[in-house]
């Protein structure tokens, strides 16, 4: 698999052998969800709000910069 790639407001990895894609969570540095050759289809299957890092942020909660 490739290093994580960022496009269309998401992060994903691509298989260097066949080109299949899988979403990638930058906060945990892990791939998640199903595999798909079509990035738009993959985003529809998982749904952008289901990203593992998205649920961790609470509105109004302050986090340190470091």
PDB file of N, CA and C in Angstrom:
ATOM      1  N   UNK A   1       0.842  -1.182   0.000  1.00  0.00           N
ATOM      2  CA  UNK A   1       0.000   0.000   0.000  1.00  0.00           C
ATOM      3  C   UNK A   1       0.887   1.244   0.000  1.00  0.00           C
ATOM      4  N   UNK A   2       0.346   2.301  -0.602  1.00  0.00           N
ATOM      5  CA  UNK A   2       1.070   3.567  -0.676  1.00  0.00           C
ATOM      6  C   UNK A   2       1.025   4.281   0.674  1.00  0.00           C
ATOM      7  N   UNK A   3       1.793   5.363   0.757  1.00  0.00           N
ATOM      8  CA  UNK A   3       1.639   6.274   1.875  1.00  0.00           C
ATOM      9  C   UNK A   3       0.271   6.929   1.741  1.00  0.00           C
ATOM     10  N   UNK A   4      -0.292   7.441   2.819  1.00  0.00           N
ATOM     11  CA  UNK A   4      -1.605   8.093   2.733  1.00  0.00           C
ATOM     12  C   UNK A   4      -1.604   9.272   1.754  1.00  0.00           C
ATOM     13  N   UNK A   5      -2.704   9.385   1.011  1.00  0.00           N
ATOM     14  CA  UNK A   5      -2.902  10.445   0.030  1.00  0.00           C
ATOM     15  C   UNK A   5      -4.113  11.249   0.467  1.00  0.00           C
ATOM     16  N   UNK A   6      -4.062  12.586   0.326  1.00  0.00           N
ATOM     17  CA  UNK A   6      -5.201  13.420   0.699  1.00  0.00           C
ATOM     18  C   UNK A   6      -5.793  14.030  -0.559  1.00  0.00           C
ATOM     19  N   UNK A   7      -7.119  13.815  -0.741  1.00  0.00           N
ATOM     20  CA  UNK A   7      -7.866  14.389  -1.867  1.00  0.00           C
ATOM     21  C   UNK A   7      -9.343  14.343  -1.528  1.00  0.00           C
ATOM     22  N   UNK A   8     -10.124  15.266  -2.094  1.00  0.00           N
ATOM     23  CA  UNK A   8     -11.574  15.325  -1.879  1.00  0.00           C
ATOM     24  C   UNK A   8     -11.926  15.337  -0.388  1.00  0.00           C
ATOM     25  N   UNK A   9     -11.166  16.077   0.398  1.00  0.00           N
ATOM     26  CA  UNK A   9     -11.397  16.195   1.847  1.00  0.00           C
ATOM     27  C   UNK A   9     -11.380  14.866   2.575  1.00  0.00           C
ATOM     28  N   UNK A  10     -10.593  13.915   2.092  1.00  0.00           N
ATOM     29  CA  UNK A  10     -10.437  12.643   2.799  1.00  0.00           C
ATOM     30  C   UNK A  10      -9.017  12.148   2.587  1.00  0.00           C
ATOM     31  N   UNK A  11      -8.644  11.160   3.352  1.00  0.00           N
ATOM     32  CA  UNK A  11      -7.320  10.572   3.255  1.00  0.00           C
ATOM     33  C   UNK A  11      -7.498   9.092   2.947  1.00  0.00           C
ATOM     34  N   UNK A  12      -6.680   8.562   2.038  1.00  0.00           N
ATOM     35  CA  UNK A  12      -6.801   7.151   1.666  1.00  0.00           C
ATOM     36  C   UNK A  12      -5.450   6.614   1.224  1.00  0.00           C
ATOM     37  N   UNK A  13      -5.376   5.290   1.114  1.00  0.00           N
ATOM     38  CA  UNK A  13      -4.190   4.619   0.611  1.00  0.00           C
ATOM     39  C   UNK A  13      -4.565   3.897  -0.680  1.00  0.00           C
ATOM     40  N   UNK A  14      -3.571   3.683  -1.521  1.00  0.00           N
ATOM     41  CA  UNK A  14      -3.773   2.995  -2.794  1.00  0.00           C
ATOM     42  C   UNK A  14      -2.817   1.818  -2.865  1.00  0.00           C
ATOM     43  N   UNK A  15      -3.317   0.662  -3.287  1.00  0.00           N
ATOM     44  CA  UNK A  15      -2.462  -0.501  -3.498  1.00  0.00           C
ATOM     45  C   UNK A  15      -1.583  -0.238  -4.716  1.00  0.00           C
ATOM     46  N   UNK A  16      -0.283  -0.395  -4.565  1.00  0.00           N
ATOM     47  CA  UNK A  16       0.640  -0.133  -5.660  1.00  0.00           C
ATOM     48  C   UNK A  16       0.589  -1.223  -6.715  1.00  0.00           C
ATOM     49  N   UNK A  17       0.036  -2.382  -6.385  1.00  0.00           N
ATOM     50  CA  UNK A  17      -0.046  -3.482  -7.333  1.00  0.00           C
ATOM     51  C   UNK A  17      -1.283  -3.440  -8.203  1.00  0.00           C
ATOM     52  N   UNK A  18      -2.442  -3.130  -7.596  1.00  0.00           N
ATOM     53  CA  UNK A  18      -3.701  -3.214  -8.354  1.00  0.00           C
ATOM     54  C   UNK A  18      -4.488  -1.907  -8.398  1.00  0.00           C
ATOM     55  N   UNK A  19      -4.169  -0.930  -7.529  1.00  0.00           N
ATOM     56  CA  UNK A  19      -4.836   0.361  -7.560  1.00  0.00           C
ATOM     57  C   UNK A  19      -6.083   0.480  -6.703  1.00  0.00           C
ATOM     58  N   UNK A  20      -6.411  -0.557  -5.937  1.00  0.00           N
ATOM     59  CA  UNK A  20      -7.598  -0.465  -5.075  1.00  0.00           C
ATOM     60  C   UNK A  20      -7.316   0.508  -3.929  1.00  0.00           C
ATOM     61  N   UNK A  21      -8.356   1.166  -3.447  1.00  0.00           N
ATOM     62  CA  UNK A  21      -8.213   2.202  -2.429  1.00  0.00           C
ATOM     63  C   UNK A  21      -8.894   1.810  -1.125  1.00  0.00           C
ATOM     64  N   UNK A  22      -8.394   2.391  -0.031  1.00  0.00           N
ATOM     65  CA  UNK A  22      -8.999   2.211   1.290  1.00  0.00           C
ATOM     66  C   UNK A  22      -8.801   3.494   2.078  1.00  0.00           C
ATOM     67  N   UNK A  23      -9.834   3.916   2.796  1.00  0.00           N
ATOM     68  CA  UNK A  23      -9.754   5.147   3.581  1.00  0.00           C
ATOM     69  C   UNK A  23      -8.737   5.002   4.704  1.00  0.00           C
ATOM     70  N   UNK A  24      -8.193   6.141   5.126  1.00  0.00           N
ATOM     71  CA  UNK A  24      -7.118   6.155   6.113  1.00  0.00           C
ATOM     72  C   UNK A  24      -7.410   7.226   7.154  1.00  0.00           C
ATOM     73  N   UNK A  25      -7.301   6.862   8.421  1.00  0.00           N
ATOM     74  CA  UNK A  25      -7.511   7.794   9.528  1.00  0.00           C
ATOM     75  C   UNK A  25      -6.155   8.336   9.968  1.00  0.00           C
ATOM     76  N   UNK A  26      -5.945   9.624   9.732  1.00  0.00           N
ATOM     77  CA  UNK A  26      -4.653  10.234  10.050  1.00  0.00           C
ATOM     78  C   UNK A  26      -4.401  10.334  11.549  1.00  0.00           C
ATOM     79  N   UNK A  27      -5.449  10.419  12.361  1.00  0.00           N
ATOM     80  CA  UNK A  27      -5.252  10.565  13.803  1.00  0.00           C
ATOM     81  C   UNK A  27      -4.750   9.274  14.454  1.00  0.00           C
ATOM     82  N   UNK A  28      -5.172   8.123  13.945  1.00  0.00           N
ATOM     83  CA  UNK A  28      -4.702   6.844  14.488  1.00  0.00           C
ATOM     84  C   UNK A  28      -3.679   6.171  13.588  1.00  0.00           C
ATOM     85  N   UNK A  29      -3.449   6.756  12.401  1.00  0.00           N
ATOM     86  CA  UNK A  29      -2.528   6.225  11.399  1.00  0.00           C
ATOM     87  C   UNK A  29      -2.870   4.783  11.029  1.00  0.00           C
ATOM     88  N   UNK A  30      -4.169   4.549  10.771  1.00  0.00           N
ATOM     89  CA  UNK A  30      -4.654   3.218  10.380  1.00  0.00           C
ATOM     90  C   UNK A  30      -5.672   3.329   9.251  1.00  0.00           C
ATOM     91  N   UNK A  31      -5.644   2.346   8.374  1.00  0.00           N
ATOM     92  CA  UNK A  31      -6.658   2.255   7.318  1.00  0.00           C
ATOM     93  C   UNK A  31      -7.936   1.671   7.923  1.00  0.00           C
ATOM     94  N   UNK A  32      -9.087   2.023   7.326  1.00  0.00           N
ATOM     95  CA  UNK A  32     -10.360   1.505   7.833  1.00  0.00           C
ATOM     96  C   UNK A  32     -11.362   1.401   6.702  1.00  0.00           C
ATOM     97  N   UNK A  33     -12.406   0.628   6.942  1.00  0.00           N
ATOM     98  CA  UNK A  33     -13.500   0.505   5.977  1.00  0.00           C
ATOM     99  C   UNK A  33     -13.211  -0.498   4.870  1.00  0.00           C
ATOM    100  N   UNK A  34     -14.137  -0.574   3.915  1.00  0.00           N
ATOM    101  CA  UNK A  34     -13.993  -1.525   2.808  1.00  0.00           C
ATOM    102  C   UNK A  34     -12.983  -1.029   1.769  1.00  0.00           C
ATOM    103  N   UNK A  35     -12.664  -1.882   0.821  1.00  0.00           N
ATOM    104  CA  UNK A  35     -11.800  -1.538  -0.305  1.00  0.00           C
ATOM    105  C   UNK A  35     -12.670  -1.224  -1.519  1.00  0.00           C
ATOM    106  N   UNK A  36     -12.208  -0.309  -2.391  1.00  0.00           N
ATOM    107  CA  UNK A  36     -12.934   0.005  -3.619  1.00  0.00           C
ATOM    108  C   UNK A  36     -11.976   0.662  -4.606  1.00  0.00           C
ATOM    109  N   UNK A  37     -12.212   0.430  -5.898  1.00  0.00           N
ATOM    110  CA  UNK A  37     -11.422   1.095  -6.926  1.00  0.00           C
ATOM    111  C   UNK A  37     -11.908   2.523  -7.160  1.00  0.00           C
ATOM    112  N   UNK A  38     -13.164   2.797  -6.859  1.00  0.00           N
ATOM    113  CA  UNK A  38     -13.771   4.104  -7.087  1.00  0.00           C
ATOM    114  C   UNK A  38     -13.847   4.866  -5.762  1.00  0.00           C
ATOM    115  N   UNK A  39     -13.123   5.985  -5.659  1.00  0.00           N
ATOM    116  CA  UNK A  39     -13.076   6.746  -4.413  1.00  0.00           C
ATOM    117  C   UNK A  39     -14.443   7.305  -4.042  1.00  0.00           C
ATOM    118  N   UNK A  40     -15.200   7.799  -5.014  1.00  0.00           N
ATOM    119  CA  UNK A  40     -16.540   8.324  -4.717  1.00  0.00           C
ATOM    120  C   UNK A  40     -17.449   7.242  -4.153  1.00  0.00           C
ATOM    121  N   UNK A  41     -17.380   6.049  -4.708  1.00  0.00           N
ATOM    122  CA  UNK A  41     -18.180   4.924  -4.200  1.00  0.00           C
ATOM    123  C   UNK A  41     -17.751   4.569  -2.781  1.00  0.00           C
ATOM    124  N   UNK A  42     -16.465   4.570  -2.548  1.00  0.00           N
ATOM    125  CA  UNK A  42     -15.935   4.264  -1.221  1.00  0.00           C
ATOM    126  C   UNK A  42     -16.422   5.268  -0.190  1.00  0.00           C
ATOM    127  N   UNK A  43     -16.426   6.550  -0.540  1.00  0.00           N
ATOM    128  CA  UNK A  43     -16.910   7.582   0.378  1.00  0.00           C
ATOM    129  C   UNK A  43     -18.406   7.431   0.644  1.00  0.00           C
ATOM    130  N   UNK A  44     -19.176   7.021  -0.372  1.00  0.00           N
ATOM    131  CA  UNK A  44     -20.610   6.790  -0.164  1.00  0.00           C
ATOM    132  C   UNK A  44     -20.845   5.580   0.742  1.00  0.00           C
ATOM    133  N   UNK A  45     -20.055   4.523   0.579  1.00  0.00           N
ATOM    134  CA  UNK A  45     -20.222   3.316   1.396  1.00  0.00           C
ATOM    135  C   UNK A  45     -19.953   3.603   2.870  1.00  0.00           C
ATOM    136  N   UNK A  46     -18.915   4.336   3.145  1.00  0.00           N
ATOM    137  CA  UNK A  46     -18.514   4.593   4.530  1.00  0.00           C
ATOM    138  C   UNK A  46     -19.228   5.813   5.089  1.00  0.00           C
ATOM    139  N   UNK A  47     -19.427   6.817   4.273  1.00  0.00           N
ATOM    140  CA  UNK A  47     -20.015   8.068   4.757  1.00  0.00           C
ATOM    141  C   UNK A  47     -18.953   8.882   5.440  1.00  0.00           C
ATOM    142  N   UNK A  48     -18.812  10.135   5.063  1.00  0.00           N
ATOM    143  CA  UNK A  48     -17.735  10.964   5.614  1.00  0.00           C
ATOM    144  C   UNK A  48     -17.885  11.198   7.103  1.00  0.00           C
ATOM    145  N   UNK A  49     -19.115  11.225   7.612  1.00  0.00           N
ATOM    146  CA  UNK A  49     -19.289  11.482   9.051  1.00  0.00           C
ATOM    147  C   UNK A  49     -18.909  10.272   9.883  1.00  0.00           C
ATOM    148  N   UNK A  50     -18.679   9.108   9.253  1.00  0.00           N
ATOM    149  CA  UNK A  50     -18.303   7.904   9.985  1.00  0.00           C
ATOM    150  C   UNK A  50     -16.798   7.741  10.127  1.00  0.00           C
ATOM    151  N   UNK A  51     -16.028   8.758   9.740  1.00  0.00           N
ATOM    152  CA  UNK A  51     -14.590   8.657   9.889  1.00  0.00           C
ATOM    153  C   UNK A  51     -14.245   8.511  11.367  1.00  0.00           C
ATOM    154  N   UNK A  52     -13.324   7.606  11.711  1.00  0.00           N
ATOM    155  CA  UNK A  52     -12.999   7.393  13.122  1.00  0.00           C
ATOM    156  C   UNK A  52     -12.552   8.657  13.837  1.00  0.00           C
ATOM    157  N   UNK A  53     -11.778   9.518  13.221  1.00  0.00           N
ATOM    158  CA  UNK A  53     -11.298  10.736  13.873  1.00  0.00           C
ATOM    159  C   UNK A  53     -12.375  11.795  14.015  1.00  0.00           C
ATOM    160  N   UNK A  54     -13.413  11.741  13.218  1.00  0.00           N
ATOM    161  CA  UNK A  54     -14.436  12.788  13.224  1.00  0.00           C
ATOM    162  C   UNK A  54     -15.270  12.770  14.503  1.00  0.00           C
ATOM    163  N   UNK A  55     -15.538  11.631  15.061  1.00  0.00           N
ATOM    164  CA  UNK A  55     -16.400  11.517  16.237  1.00  0.00           C
ATOM    165  C   UNK A  55     -15.685  11.938  17.522  1.00  0.00           C
ATOM    166  N   UNK A  56     -14.365  12.012  17.513  1.00  0.00           N
ATOM    167  CA  UNK A  56     -13.615  12.312  18.718  1.00  0.00           C
ATOM    168  C   UNK A  56     -13.671  13.785  19.099  1.00  0.00           C
ATOM    169  N   UNK A  57     -13.827  14.661  18.125  1.00  0.00           N
ATOM    170  CA  UNK A  57     -13.833  16.090  18.401  1.00  0.00           C
ATOM    171  C   UNK A  57     -15.186  16.516  18.947  1.00  0.00           C
ATOM    172  N   UNK A  58     -15.166  17.207  20.086  1.00  0.00           N
ATOM    173  CA  UNK A  58     -16.382  17.726  20.674  1.00  0.00           C
ATOM    174  C   UNK A  58     -16.438  19.214  20.429  1.00  0.00           C
ATOM    175  N   UNK A  59     -17.569  19.738  19.993  1.00  0.00           N
ATOM    176  CA  UNK A  59     -17.660  21.175  19.757  1.00  0.00           C
ATOM    177  C   UNK A  59     -17.415  21.964  21.031  1.00  0.00           C
ATOM    178  N   UNK A  60     -16.631  23.022  20.931  1.00  0.00           N
ATOM    179  CA  UNK A  60     -16.353  23.867  22.080  1.00  0.00           C
ATOM    180  C   UNK A  60     -15.246  23.367  22.987  1.00  0.00           C
ATOM    181  N   UNK A  61     -14.770  22.155  22.765  1.00  0.00           N
ATOM    182  CA  UNK A  61     -13.705  21.617  23.600  1.00  0.00           C
ATOM    183  C   UNK A  61     -12.361  22.084  23.053  1.00  0.00           C
ATOM    184  N   UNK A  62     -11.525  22.620  23.941  1.00  0.00           N
ATOM    185  CA  UNK A  62     -10.210  23.104  23.523  1.00  0.00           C
ATOM    186  C   UNK A  62      -9.188  22.020  23.704  1.00  0.00           C
ATOM    187  N   UNK A  63      -8.278  21.950  22.704  1.00  0.00           N
ATOM    188  CA  UNK A  63      -7.202  20.987  22.773  1.00  0.00           C
ATOM    189  C   UNK A  63      -5.867  21.719  22.718  1.00  0.00           C
ATOM    190  N   UNK A  64      -4.833  21.182  23.335  1.00  0.00           N
ATOM    191  CA  UNK A  64      -3.524  21.836  23.285  1.00  0.00           C
ATOM    192  C   UNK A  64      -2.957  21.773  21.866  1.00  0.00           C
ATOM    193  N   UNK A  65      -2.116  22.751  21.541  1.00  0.00           N
ATOM    194  CA  UNK A  65      -1.528  22.821  20.203  1.00  0.00           C
ATOM    195  C   UNK A  65      -0.459  21.760  19.977  1.00  0.00           C
ATOM    196  N   UNK A  66       0.155  21.274  21.025  1.00  0.00           N
ATOM    197  CA  UNK A  66       1.236  20.299  20.848  1.00  0.00           C
ATOM    198  C   UNK A  66       0.809  18.894  21.149  1.00  0.00           C
TER     199      UNK A  66
END
